[in-house]
């Protein structure tokens, strides 16, 4: 542990940020996983779940926790997956 007061404060802030960032990243992973499951099981109703996931990704991106290109890539992959599932359902019906 450091002896200098300002460095002690820096370490504390760093740990707080790490916890917050880890929590946000974990929330994104969980939401993406739930969205993928929703798309695979019922693509017609997965739209609401997709909107929630996109909203969460945007909020985390705005806070600077993930890079904007990473956010765009994750959203794109989810939308691509939903569109593919919807196309498969319309072909079958």
PDB file of N, CA and C in Angstrom:
ATOM      1  N   UNK A   1       0.853  -1.180   0.000  1.00  0.00           N
ATOM      2  CA  UNK A   1       0.000   0.000   0.000  1.00  0.00           C
ATOM      3  C   UNK A   1       0.897   1.241   0.000  1.00  0.00           C
ATOM      4  N   UNK A   2       0.544   2.217  -0.798  1.00  0.00           N
ATOM      5  CA  UNK A   2       1.365   3.427  -0.861  1.00  0.00           C
ATOM      6  C   UNK A   2       1.300   4.250   0.424  1.00  0.00           C
ATOM      7  N   UNK A   3       2.286   5.095   0.613  1.00  0.00           N
ATOM      8  CA  UNK A   3       2.349   5.956   1.796  1.00  0.00           C
ATOM      9  C   UNK A   3       1.836   7.360   1.526  1.00  0.00           C
ATOM     10  N   UNK A   4       1.891   7.793   0.282  1.00  0.00           N
ATOM     11  CA  UNK A   4       1.495   9.157  -0.063  1.00  0.00           C
ATOM     12  C   UNK A   4      -0.026   9.236  -0.159  1.00  0.00           C
ATOM     13  N   UNK A   5      -0.582  10.278   0.464  1.00  0.00           N
ATOM     14  CA  UNK A   5      -2.029  10.410   0.585  1.00  0.00           C
ATOM     15  C   UNK A   5      -2.732  10.450  -0.778  1.00  0.00           C
ATOM     16  N   UNK A   6      -2.197  11.220  -1.706  1.00  0.00           N
ATOM     17  CA  UNK A   6      -2.842  11.341  -3.020  1.00  0.00           C
ATOM     18  C   UNK A   6      -2.788  10.021  -3.790  1.00  0.00           C
ATOM     19  N   UNK A   7      -1.718   9.261  -3.610  1.00  0.00           N
ATOM     20  CA  UNK A   7      -1.597   7.975  -4.286  1.00  0.00           C
ATOM     21  C   UNK A   7      -2.569   6.968  -3.682  1.00  0.00           C
ATOM     22  N   UNK A   8      -2.764   7.044  -2.372  1.00  0.00           N
ATOM     23  CA  UNK A   8      -3.749   6.184  -1.708  1.00  0.00           C
ATOM     24  C   UNK A   8      -5.131   6.451  -2.289  1.00  0.00           C
ATOM     25  N   UNK A   9      -5.474   7.726  -2.458  1.00  0.00           N
ATOM     26  CA  UNK A   9      -6.765   8.095  -3.043  1.00  0.00           C
ATOM     27  C   UNK A   9      -6.876   7.614  -4.485  1.00  0.00           C
ATOM     28  N   UNK A  10      -5.780   7.723  -5.242  1.00  0.00           N
ATOM     29  CA  UNK A  10      -5.781   7.254  -6.620  1.00  0.00           C
ATOM     30  C   UNK A  10      -6.045   5.756  -6.692  1.00  0.00           C
ATOM     31  N   UNK A  11      -5.442   5.010  -5.802  1.00  0.00           N
ATOM     32  CA  UNK A  11      -5.633   3.560  -5.768  1.00  0.00           C
ATOM     33  C   UNK A  11      -7.088   3.232  -5.444  1.00  0.00           C
ATOM     34  N   UNK A  12      -7.661   3.951  -4.485  1.00  0.00           N
ATOM     35  CA  UNK A  12      -9.061   3.722  -4.125  1.00  0.00           C
ATOM     36  C   UNK A  12      -9.986   4.007  -5.297  1.00  0.00           C
ATOM     37  N   UNK A  13      -9.769   5.143  -5.977  1.00  0.00           N
ATOM     38  CA  UNK A  13     -10.603   5.502  -7.131  1.00  0.00           C
ATOM     39  C   UNK A  13     -10.448   4.474  -8.247  1.00  0.00           C
ATOM     40  N   UNK A  14      -9.215   4.013  -8.422  1.00  0.00           N
ATOM     41  CA  UNK A  14      -8.953   3.024  -9.457  1.00  0.00           C
ATOM     42  C   UNK A  14      -9.725   1.734  -9.182  1.00  0.00           C
ATOM     43  N   UNK A  15      -9.759   1.329  -7.935  1.00  0.00           N
ATOM     44  CA  UNK A  15     -10.500   0.117  -7.569  1.00  0.00           C
ATOM     45  C   UNK A  15     -12.001   0.304  -7.747  1.00  0.00           C
ATOM     46  N   UNK A  16     -12.496   1.495  -7.406  1.00  0.00           N
ATOM     47  CA  UNK A  16     -13.923   1.782  -7.618  1.00  0.00           C
ATOM     48  C   UNK A  16     -14.279   1.699  -9.101  1.00  0.00           C
ATOM     49  N   UNK A  17     -13.449   2.327  -9.930  1.00  0.00           N
ATOM     50  CA  UNK A  17     -13.688   2.308 -11.374  1.00  0.00           C
ATOM     51  C   UNK A  17     -13.638   0.881 -11.920  1.00  0.00           C
ATOM     52  N   UNK A  18     -12.679   0.113 -11.425  1.00  0.00           N
ATOM     53  CA  UNK A  18     -12.546  -1.263 -11.891  1.00  0.00           C
ATOM     54  C   UNK A  18     -13.806  -2.063 -11.579  1.00  0.00           C
ATOM     55  N   UNK A  19     -14.333  -1.904 -10.357  1.00  0.00           N
ATOM     56  CA  UNK A  19     -15.561  -2.614  -9.984  1.00  0.00           C
ATOM     57  C   UNK A  19     -16.732  -2.195 -10.870  1.00  0.00           C
ATOM     58  N   UNK A  20     -16.866  -0.889 -11.090  1.00  0.00           N
ATOM     59  CA  UNK A  20     -17.963  -0.372 -11.909  1.00  0.00           C
ATOM     60  C   UNK A  20     -17.847  -0.881 -13.353  1.00  0.00           C
ATOM     61  N   UNK A  21     -16.631  -0.818 -13.894  1.00  0.00           N
ATOM     62  CA  UNK A  21     -16.431  -1.252 -15.272  1.00  0.00           C
ATOM     63  C   UNK A  21     -16.664  -2.751 -15.432  1.00  0.00           C
ATOM     64  N   UNK A  22     -16.179  -3.522 -14.477  1.00  0.00           N
ATOM     65  CA  UNK A  22     -16.368  -4.969 -14.521  1.00  0.00           C
ATOM     66  C   UNK A  22     -17.843  -5.317 -14.453  1.00  0.00           C
ATOM     67  N   UNK A  23     -18.568  -4.626 -13.601  1.00  0.00           N
ATOM     68  CA  UNK A  23     -20.001  -4.863 -13.470  1.00  0.00           C
ATOM     69  C   UNK A  23     -20.739  -4.534 -14.769  1.00  0.00           C
ATOM     70  N   UNK A  24     -20.386  -3.425 -15.378  1.00  0.00           N
ATOM     71  CA  UNK A  24     -21.046  -3.014 -16.620  1.00  0.00           C
ATOM     72  C   UNK A  24     -20.741  -3.990 -17.752  1.00  0.00           C
ATOM     73  N   UNK A  25     -19.499  -4.422 -17.848  1.00  0.00           N
ATOM     74  CA  UNK A  25     -19.127  -5.367 -18.893  1.00  0.00           C
ATOM     75  C   UNK A  25     -19.834  -6.706 -18.694  1.00  0.00           C
ATOM     76  N   UNK A  26     -19.943  -7.118 -17.450  1.00  0.00           N
ATOM     77  CA  UNK A  26     -20.642  -8.359 -17.137  1.00  0.00           C
ATOM     78  C   UNK A  26     -22.126  -8.247 -17.501  1.00  0.00           C
ATOM     79  N   UNK A  27     -22.716  -7.096 -17.219  1.00  0.00           N
ATOM     80  CA  UNK A  27     -24.132  -6.877 -17.563  1.00  0.00           C
ATOM     81  C   UNK A  27     -24.342  -6.968 -19.070  1.00  0.00           C
ATOM     82  N   UNK A  28     -23.404  -6.428 -19.833  1.00  0.00           N
ATOM     83  CA  UNK A  28     -23.510  -6.511 -21.288  1.00  0.00           C
ATOM     84  C   UNK A  28     -23.464  -7.964 -21.737  1.00  0.00           C
ATOM     85  N   UNK A  29     -22.512  -8.716 -21.196  1.00  0.00           N
ATOM     86  CA  UNK A  29     -22.375 -10.121 -21.585  1.00  0.00           C
ATOM     87  C   UNK A  29     -23.644 -10.906 -21.265  1.00  0.00           C
ATOM     88  N   UNK A  30     -24.218 -10.650 -20.091  1.00  0.00           N
ATOM     89  CA  UNK A  30     -25.438 -11.337 -19.690  1.00  0.00           C
ATOM     90  C   UNK A  30     -26.588 -10.974 -20.619  1.00  0.00           C
ATOM     91  N   UNK A  31     -26.729  -9.684 -20.933  1.00  0.00           N
ATOM     92  CA  UNK A  31     -27.817  -9.237 -21.787  1.00  0.00           C
ATOM     93  C   UNK A  31     -27.667  -9.793 -23.201  1.00  0.00           C
ATOM     94  N   UNK A  32     -26.451  -9.826 -23.710  1.00  0.00           N
ATOM     95  CA  UNK A  32     -26.212 -10.378 -25.045  1.00  0.00           C
ATOM     96  C   UNK A  32     -26.557 -11.863 -25.069  1.00  0.00           C
ATOM     97  N   UNK A  33     -26.191 -12.561 -24.020  1.00  0.00           N
ATOM     98  CA  UNK A  33     -26.489 -13.992 -23.937  1.00  0.00           C
ATOM     99  C   UNK A  33     -28.001 -14.229 -23.904  1.00  0.00           C
ATOM    100  N   UNK A  34     -28.718 -13.440 -23.103  1.00  0.00           N
ATOM    101  CA  UNK A  34     -30.175 -13.571 -23.031  1.00  0.00           C
ATOM    102  C   UNK A  34     -30.817 -13.255 -24.378  1.00  0.00           C
ATOM    103  N   UNK A  35     -30.271 -12.253 -25.059  1.00  0.00           N
ATOM    104  CA  UNK A  35     -30.817 -11.872 -26.360  1.00  0.00           C
ATOM    105  C   UNK A  35     -30.593 -12.977 -27.376  1.00  0.00           C
ATOM    106  N   UNK A  36     -29.409 -13.564 -27.384  1.00  0.00           N
ATOM    107  CA  UNK A  36     -29.142 -14.669 -28.312  1.00  0.00           C
ATOM    108  C   UNK A  36     -30.089 -15.838 -28.069  1.00  0.00           C
ATOM    109  N   UNK A  37     -30.311 -16.150 -26.801  1.00  0.00           N
ATOM    110  CA  UNK A  37     -31.225 -17.251 -26.469  1.00  0.00           C
ATOM    111  C   UNK A  37     -32.634 -16.911 -26.946  1.00  0.00           C
ATOM    112  N   UNK A  38     -33.066 -15.667 -26.724  1.00  0.00           N
ATOM    113  CA  UNK A  38     -34.397 -15.242 -27.161  1.00  0.00           C
ATOM    114  C   UNK A  38     -34.522 -15.317 -28.680  1.00  0.00           C
ATOM    115  N   UNK A  39     -33.476 -14.943 -29.383  1.00  0.00           N
ATOM    116  CA  UNK A  39     -33.503 -14.992 -30.851  1.00  0.00           C
ATOM    117  C   UNK A  39     -33.590 -16.434 -31.328  1.00  0.00           C
ATOM    118  N   UNK A  40     -32.844 -17.315 -30.696  1.00  0.00           N
ATOM    119  CA  UNK A  40     -32.837 -18.717 -31.114  1.00  0.00           C
ATOM    120  C   UNK A  40     -34.150 -19.420 -30.800  1.00  0.00           C
ATOM    121  N   UNK A  41     -34.779 -19.068 -29.672  1.00  0.00           N
ATOM    122  CA  UNK A  41     -36.000 -19.757 -29.284  1.00  0.00           C
ATOM    123  C   UNK A  41     -37.244 -19.148 -29.923  1.00  0.00           C
ATOM    124  N   UNK A  42     -37.339 -17.818 -29.921  1.00  0.00           N
ATOM    125  CA  UNK A  42     -38.534 -17.176 -30.461  1.00  0.00           C
ATOM    126  C   UNK A  42     -38.175 -15.840 -31.111  1.00  0.00           C
ATOM    127  N   UNK A  43     -37.767 -15.866 -32.374  1.00  0.00           N
ATOM    128  CA  UNK A  43     -37.310 -14.637 -33.034  1.00  0.00           C
ATOM    129  C   UNK A  43     -38.386 -13.561 -33.130  1.00  0.00           C
ATOM    130  N   UNK A  44     -39.641 -13.948 -33.164  1.00  0.00           N
ATOM    131  CA  UNK A  44     -40.713 -12.966 -33.300  1.00  0.00           C
ATOM    132  C   UNK A  44     -40.798 -12.055 -32.084  1.00  0.00           C
ATOM    133  N   UNK A  45     -40.547 -12.588 -30.905  1.00  0.00           N
ATOM    134  CA  UNK A  45     -40.647 -11.805 -29.678  1.00  0.00           C
ATOM    135  C   UNK A  45     -39.289 -11.331 -29.163  1.00  0.00           C
ATOM    136  N   UNK A  46     -38.236 -11.637 -29.877  1.00  0.00           N
ATOM    137  CA  UNK A  46     -36.885 -11.278 -29.435  1.00  0.00           C
ATOM    138  C   UNK A  46     -36.572  -9.806 -29.662  1.00  0.00           C
ATOM    139  N   UNK A  47     -37.436  -9.098 -30.379  1.00  0.00           N
ATOM    140  CA  UNK A  47     -37.186  -7.695 -30.702  1.00  0.00           C
ATOM    141  C   UNK A  47     -37.078  -6.838 -29.442  1.00  0.00           C
ATOM    142  N   UNK A  48     -37.962  -7.077 -28.465  1.00  0.00           N
ATOM    143  CA  UNK A  48     -37.915  -6.311 -27.211  1.00  0.00           C
ATOM    144  C   UNK A  48     -36.598  -6.547 -26.475  1.00  0.00           C
ATOM    145  N   UNK A  49     -36.174  -7.787 -26.440  1.00  0.00           N
ATOM    146  CA  UNK A  49     -34.914  -8.125 -25.774  1.00  0.00           C
ATOM    147  C   UNK A  49     -33.739  -7.477 -26.499  1.00  0.00           C
ATOM    148  N   UNK A  50     -33.813  -7.443 -27.818  1.00  0.00           N
ATOM    149  CA  UNK A  50     -32.749  -6.806 -28.600  1.00  0.00           C
ATOM    150  C   UNK A  50     -32.672  -5.315 -28.297  1.00  0.00           C
ATOM    151  N   UNK A  51     -33.814  -4.660 -28.187  1.00  0.00           N
ATOM    152  CA  UNK A  51     -33.831  -3.229 -27.882  1.00  0.00           C
ATOM    153  C   UNK A  51     -33.234  -2.948 -26.503  1.00  0.00           C
ATOM    154  N   UNK A  52     -33.512  -3.805 -25.539  1.00  0.00           N
ATOM    155  CA  UNK A  52     -32.931  -3.648 -24.204  1.00  0.00           C
ATOM    156  C   UNK A  52     -31.414  -3.801 -24.251  1.00  0.00           C
ATOM    157  N   UNK A  53     -30.954  -4.788 -25.003  1.00  0.00           N
ATOM    158  CA  UNK A  53     -29.513  -5.024 -25.112  1.00  0.00           C
ATOM    159  C   UNK A  53     -28.821  -3.844 -25.793  1.00  0.00           C
ATOM    160  N   UNK A  54     -29.412  -3.339 -26.852  1.00  0.00           N
ATOM    161  CA  UNK A  54     -28.825  -2.202 -27.562  1.00  0.00           C
ATOM    162  C   UNK A  54     -28.781  -0.981 -26.656  1.00  0.00           C
ATOM    163  N   UNK A  55     -29.850  -0.768 -25.892  1.00  0.00           N
ATOM    164  CA  UNK A  55     -29.899   0.364 -24.966  1.00  0.00           C
ATOM    165  C   UNK A  55     -28.785   0.257 -23.923  1.00  0.00           C
ATOM    166  N   UNK A  56     -28.595  -0.932 -23.372  1.00  0.00           N
ATOM    167  CA  UNK A  56     -27.544  -1.141 -22.374  1.00  0.00           C
ATOM    168  C   UNK A  56     -26.161  -0.919 -22.979  1.00  0.00           C
ATOM    169  N   UNK A  57     -25.947  -1.442 -24.172  1.00  0.00           N
ATOM    170  CA  UNK A  57     -24.651  -1.273 -24.833  1.00  0.00           C
ATOM    171  C   UNK A  57     -24.379   0.207 -25.080  1.00  0.00           C
ATOM    172  N   UNK A  58     -25.402   0.950 -25.511  1.00  0.00           N
ATOM    173  CA  UNK A  58     -25.234   2.384 -25.754  1.00  0.00           C
ATOM    174  C   UNK A  58     -24.898   3.144 -24.476  1.00  0.00           C
ATOM    175  N   UNK A  59     -25.563   2.791 -23.376  1.00  0.00           N
ATOM    176  CA  UNK A  59     -25.290   3.467 -22.105  1.00  0.00           C
ATOM    177  C   UNK A  59     -23.859   3.224 -21.647  1.00  0.00           C
ATOM    178  N   UNK A  60     -23.400   1.982 -21.765  1.00  0.00           N
ATOM    179  CA  UNK A  60     -22.038   1.649 -21.345  1.00  0.00           C
ATOM    180  C   UNK A  60     -21.024   2.339 -22.260  1.00  0.00           C
ATOM    181  N   UNK A  61     -21.349   2.426 -23.534  1.00  0.00           N
ATOM    182  CA  UNK A  61     -20.463   3.134 -24.473  1.00  0.00           C
ATOM    183  C   UNK A  61     -20.385   4.616 -24.127  1.00  0.00           C
ATOM    184  N   UNK A  62     -21.509   5.227 -23.798  1.00  0.00           N
ATOM    185  CA  UNK A  62     -21.535   6.651 -23.449  1.00  0.00           C
ATOM    186  C   UNK A  62     -20.683   6.944 -22.214  1.00  0.00           C
ATOM    187  N   UNK A  63     -20.624   5.989 -21.300  1.00  0.00           N
ATOM    188  CA  UNK A  63     -19.813   6.170 -20.100  1.00  0.00           C
ATOM    189  C   UNK A  63     -18.327   5.947 -20.371  1.00  0.00           C
ATOM    190  N   UNK A  64     -18.008   5.459 -21.570  1.00  0.00           N
ATOM    191  CA  UNK A  64     -16.614   5.254 -21.928  1.00  0.00           C
ATOM    192  C   UNK A  64     -16.035   3.941 -21.436  1.00  0.00           C
ATOM    193  N   UNK A  65     -16.890   3.025 -21.049  1.00  0.00           N
ATOM    194  CA  UNK A  65     -16.411   1.752 -20.523  1.00  0.00           C
ATOM    195  C   UNK A  65     -15.970   0.827 -21.656  1.00  0.00           C
ATOM    196  N   UNK A  66     -16.693   0.873 -22.775  1.00  0.00           N
ATOM    197  CA  UNK A  66     -16.270   0.129 -23.957  1.00  0.00           C
ATOM    198  C   UNK A  66     -16.102   1.112 -25.112  1.00  0.00           C
ATOM    199  N   UNK A  67     -15.303   0.735 -26.075  1.00  0.00           N
ATOM    200  CA  UNK A  67     -15.035   1.578 -27.235  1.00  0.00           C
ATOM    201  C   UNK A  67     -16.263   1.615 -28.145  1.00  0.00           C
ATOM    202  N   UNK A  68     -16.424   2.710 -28.868  1.00  0.00           N
ATOM    203  CA  UNK A  68     -17.614   2.856 -29.708  1.00  0.00           C
ATOM    204  C   UNK A  68     -17.653   1.826 -30.826  1.00  0.00           C
ATOM    205  N   UNK A  69     -16.504   1.441 -31.347  1.00  0.00           N
ATOM    206  CA  UNK A  69     -16.493   0.420 -32.390  1.00  0.00           C
ATOM    207  C   UNK A  69     -16.885  -0.948 -31.836  1.00  0.00           C
ATOM    208  N   UNK A  70     -16.483  -1.223 -30.616  1.00  0.00           N
ATOM    209  CA  UNK A  70     -16.872  -2.472 -29.959  1.00  0.00           C
ATOM    210  C   UNK A  70     -18.382  -2.501 -29.764  1.00  0.00           C
ATOM    211  N   UNK A  71     -18.945  -1.389 -29.330  1.00  0.00           N
ATOM    212  CA  UNK A  71     -20.395  -1.295 -29.141  1.00  0.00           C
ATOM    213  C   UNK A  71     -21.115  -1.496 -30.467  1.00  0.00           C
ATOM    214  N   UNK A  72     -20.635  -0.857 -31.507  1.00  0.00           N
ATOM    215  CA  UNK A  72     -21.255  -0.981 -32.829  1.00  0.00           C
ATOM    216  C   UNK A  72     -21.185  -2.426 -33.327  1.00  0.00           C
ATOM    217  N   UNK A  73     -20.051  -3.070 -33.105  1.00  0.00           N
ATOM    218  CA  UNK A  73     -19.878  -4.452 -33.546  1.00  0.00           C
ATOM    219  C   UNK A  73     -20.855  -5.384 -32.824  1.00  0.00           C
ATOM    220  N   UNK A  74     -20.976  -5.204 -31.527  1.00  0.00           N
ATOM    221  CA  UNK A  74     -21.877  -6.078 -30.758  1.00  0.00           C
ATOM    222  C   UNK A  74     -23.330  -5.887 -31.173  1.00  0.00           C
ATOM    223  N   UNK A  75     -23.730  -4.629 -31.363  1.00  0.00           N
ATOM    224  CA  UNK A  75     -25.099  -4.356 -31.798  1.00  0.00           C
ATOM    225  C   UNK A  75     -25.343  -4.930 -33.188  1.00  0.00           C
ATOM    226  N   UNK A  76     -24.370  -4.765 -34.065  1.00  0.00           N
ATOM    227  CA  UNK A  76     -24.496  -5.254 -35.432  1.00  0.00           C
ATOM    228  C   UNK A  76     -24.655  -6.775 -35.463  1.00  0.00           C
ATOM    229  N   UNK A  77     -23.867  -7.446 -34.662  1.00  0.00           N
ATOM    230  CA  UNK A  77     -23.938  -8.914 -34.633  1.00  0.00           C
ATOM    231  C   UNK A  77     -25.291  -9.399 -34.133  1.00  0.00           C
ATOM    232  N   UNK A  78     -25.831  -8.717 -33.124  1.00  0.00           N
ATOM    233  CA  UNK A  78     -27.141  -9.110 -32.609  1.00  0.00           C
ATOM    234  C   UNK A  78     -28.234  -8.876 -33.651  1.00  0.00           C
ATOM    235  N   UNK A  79     -28.194  -7.707 -34.301  1.00  0.00           N
ATOM    236  CA  UNK A  79     -29.215  -7.405 -35.308  1.00  0.00           C
ATOM    237  C   UNK A  79     -29.112  -8.354 -36.495  1.00  0.00           C
ATOM    238  N   UNK A  80     -27.885  -8.666 -36.881  1.00  0.00           N
ATOM    239  CA  UNK A  80     -27.664  -9.596 -37.986  1.00  0.00           C
ATOM    240  C   UNK A  80     -28.239 -10.974 -37.644  1.00  0.00           C
ATOM    241  N   UNK A  81     -28.020 -11.398 -36.416  1.00  0.00           N
ATOM    242  CA  UNK A  81     -28.524 -12.700 -35.963  1.00  0.00           C
ATOM    243  C   UNK A  81     -30.055 -12.718 -35.965  1.00  0.00           C
ATOM    244  N   UNK A  82     -30.667 -11.627 -35.492  1.00  0.00           N
ATOM    245  CA  UNK A  82     -32.134 -11.553 -35.474  1.00  0.00           C
ATOM    246  C   UNK A  82     -32.690 -11.546 -36.893  1.00  0.00           C
ATOM    247  N   UNK A  83     -32.095 -10.770 -37.774  1.00  0.00           N
ATOM    248  CA  UNK A  83     -32.571 -10.718 -39.158  1.00  0.00           C
ATOM    249  C   UNK A  83     -32.457 -12.073 -39.840  1.00  0.00           C
ATOM    250  N   UNK A  84     -31.380 -12.777 -39.559  1.00  0.00           N
ATOM    251  CA  UNK A  84     -31.191 -14.109 -40.138  1.00  0.00           C
ATOM    252  C   UNK A  84     -32.261 -15.080 -39.626  1.00  0.00           C
ATOM    253  N   UNK A  85     -32.555 -14.994 -38.317  1.00  0.00           N
ATOM    254  CA  UNK A  85     -33.567 -15.877 -37.737  1.00  0.00           C
ATOM    255  C   UNK A  85     -34.952 -15.539 -38.282  1.00  0.00           C
ATOM    256  N   UNK A  86     -35.240 -14.253 -38.439  1.00  0.00           N
ATOM    257  CA  UNK A  86     -36.535 -13.837 -38.986  1.00  0.00           C
ATOM    258  C   UNK A  86     -36.676 -14.294 -40.442  1.00  0.00           C
ATOM    259  N   UNK A  87     -35.605 -14.207 -41.198  1.00  0.00           N
ATOM    260  CA  UNK A  87     -35.639 -14.646 -42.583  1.00  0.00           C
ATOM    261  C   UNK A  87     -35.885 -16.146 -42.662  1.00  0.00           C
ATOM    262  N   UNK A  88     -35.288 -16.897 -41.768  1.00  0.00           N
ATOM    263  CA  UNK A  88     -35.492 -18.344 -41.742  1.00  0.00           C
ATOM    264  C   UNK A  88     -36.926 -18.692 -41.382  1.00  0.00           C
ATOM    265  N   UNK A  89     -37.523 -17.905 -40.487  1.00  0.00           N
ATOM    266  CA  UNK A  89     -38.919 -18.158 -40.091  1.00  0.00           C
ATOM    267  C   UNK A  89     -39.892 -17.830 -41.218  1.00  0.00           C
ATOM    268  N   UNK A  90     -39.653 -16.765 -41.947  1.00  0.00           N
ATOM    269  CA  UNK A  90     -40.561 -16.422 -43.050  1.00  0.00           C
ATOM    270  C   UNK A  90     -40.437 -17.419 -44.189  1.00  0.00           C
ATOM    271  N   UNK A  91     -39.259 -17.998 -44.352  1.00  0.00           N
ATOM    272  CA  UNK A  91     -39.063 -19.012 -45.388  1.00  0.00           C
ATOM    273  C   UNK A  91     -39.810 -20.290 -45.026  1.00  0.00           C
ATOM    274  N   UNK A  92     -39.807 -20.642 -43.748  1.00  0.00           N
ATOM    275  CA  UNK A  92     -40.469 -21.860 -43.295  1.00  0.00           C
ATOM    276  C   UNK A  92     -41.973 -21.712 -43.285  1.00  0.00           C
ATOM    277  N   UNK A  93     -42.471 -20.520 -42.981  1.00  0.00           N
ATOM    278  CA  UNK A  93     -43.924 -20.332 -42.830  1.00  0.00           C
ATOM    279  C   UNK A  93     -44.656 -20.318 -44.120  1.00  0.00           C
TER     280      UNK A  93
END
